[in-house]
C-alpha cells in the first residue's frame, strides 16, 4: 500500500482538486512554483496576472509567429 500513500501525499502537496495522472516534468515544475507563490504570498487563489508572473519566473516567454509585429 505505499504506492497509494505516495499518490495521496503527492496530490495533497500539489493540488487536491486535480485528477490522478502522471504529470510531465514541466507540469510538476509549474504546479510547484505556483504552490510556492501561494504559500509565500498568502494568496490562495492567484489572479491571472499573478500566474503569468509565476510562468515568467520559470523562463516562459511569448513567441510571436514570423511576420507578426508586436505592436
Protein backbone atom coordinates (compact mmCIF):
# COMPACT_ATOMS: atom_id res chain seq x y z
CA UNK A 1 0.00 0.00 0.00
CA UNK A 2 2.89 2.53 -0.01
CA UNK A 3 2.00 3.45 -3.58
CA UNK A 4 -1.47 4.72 -2.58
CA UNK A 5 0.02 6.70 0.31
CA UNK A 6 2.62 8.21 -2.05
CA UNK A 7 -0.05 9.18 -4.60
CA UNK A 8 -2.24 10.73 -1.91
CA UNK A 9 0.68 12.71 -0.49
CA UNK A 10 1.67 13.97 -3.94
CA UNK A 11 -1.91 15.06 -4.64
CA UNK A 12 -2.15 16.99 -1.37
CA UNK A 13 1.23 18.61 -1.89
CA UNK A 14 0.31 19.95 -5.32
CA UNK A 15 -3.46 20.36 -5.64
CA UNK A 16 -6.16 18.12 -4.18
CA UNK A 17 -8.60 19.11 -6.94
CA UNK A 18 -6.53 17.66 -9.80
CA UNK A 19 -7.15 14.22 -11.21
CA UNK A 20 -4.70 11.43 -10.54
CA UNK A 21 -2.44 11.02 -13.54
CA UNK A 22 1.24 11.16 -14.35
CA UNK A 23 2.34 14.75 -14.83
CA UNK A 24 5.32 15.55 -17.02
CA UNK A 25 8.25 17.42 -15.50
CA UNK A 26 7.20 20.84 -16.79
CA UNK A 27 3.70 20.43 -15.32
CA UNK A 28 5.13 19.43 -11.94
CA UNK A 29 7.58 22.36 -12.07
CA UNK A 30 4.72 24.81 -12.76
CA UNK A 31 2.47 23.36 -10.05
CA UNK A 32 5.29 23.50 -7.50
CA UNK A 33 6.17 27.09 -8.48
CA UNK A 34 2.51 28.13 -8.20
CA UNK A 35 2.18 26.40 -4.83
CA UNK A 36 5.35 28.15 -3.62
CA UNK A 37 3.96 31.50 -4.80
CA UNK A 38 0.65 30.87 -2.99
CA UNK A 39 2.46 29.96 0.24
CA UNK A 40 4.81 32.95 0.09
CA UNK A 41 2.15 35.49 -0.90
CA UNK A 42 -0.61 34.13 1.31
CA UNK A 43 -2.97 34.26 -1.67
CA UNK A 44 -4.99 31.08 -2.01
CA UNK A 45 -6.37 31.99 -5.45
CA UNK A 46 -3.82 33.89 -7.56
CA UNK A 47 -5.08 36.16 -10.33
CA UNK A 48 -4.25 35.50 -13.97
CA UNK A 49 -1.57 38.19 -13.89
CA UNK A 50 0.00 36.56 -10.81
CA UNK A 51 0.00 33.19 -12.58
CA UNK A 52 1.66 34.86 -15.57
CA UNK A 53 4.31 36.20 -13.18
CA UNK A 54 4.95 32.64 -11.96
CA UNK A 55 5.25 31.40 -15.55
CA UNK A 56 7.70 34.18 -16.39
CA UNK A 57 9.75 33.33 -13.29
CA UNK A 58 10.18 29.86 -14.79
CA UNK A 59 11.52 31.41 -18.01
CA UNK A 60 8.44 31.24 -20.22
CA UNK A 61 8.12 33.98 -22.84
CA UNK A 62 5.58 34.63 -25.55
CA UNK A 63 6.95 33.87 -29.01
CA UNK A 64 5.15 35.52 -31.90
CA UNK A 65 4.89 33.76 -35.28
CA UNK A 66 7.23 35.03 -38.00
CA UNK A 67 5.90 38.10 -39.77
CA UNK A 68 3.68 39.23 -36.90
CA UNK A 69 4.51 42.60 -35.34
CA UNK A 70 4.28 43.09 -31.57
CA UNK A 71 2.52 46.48 -31.79
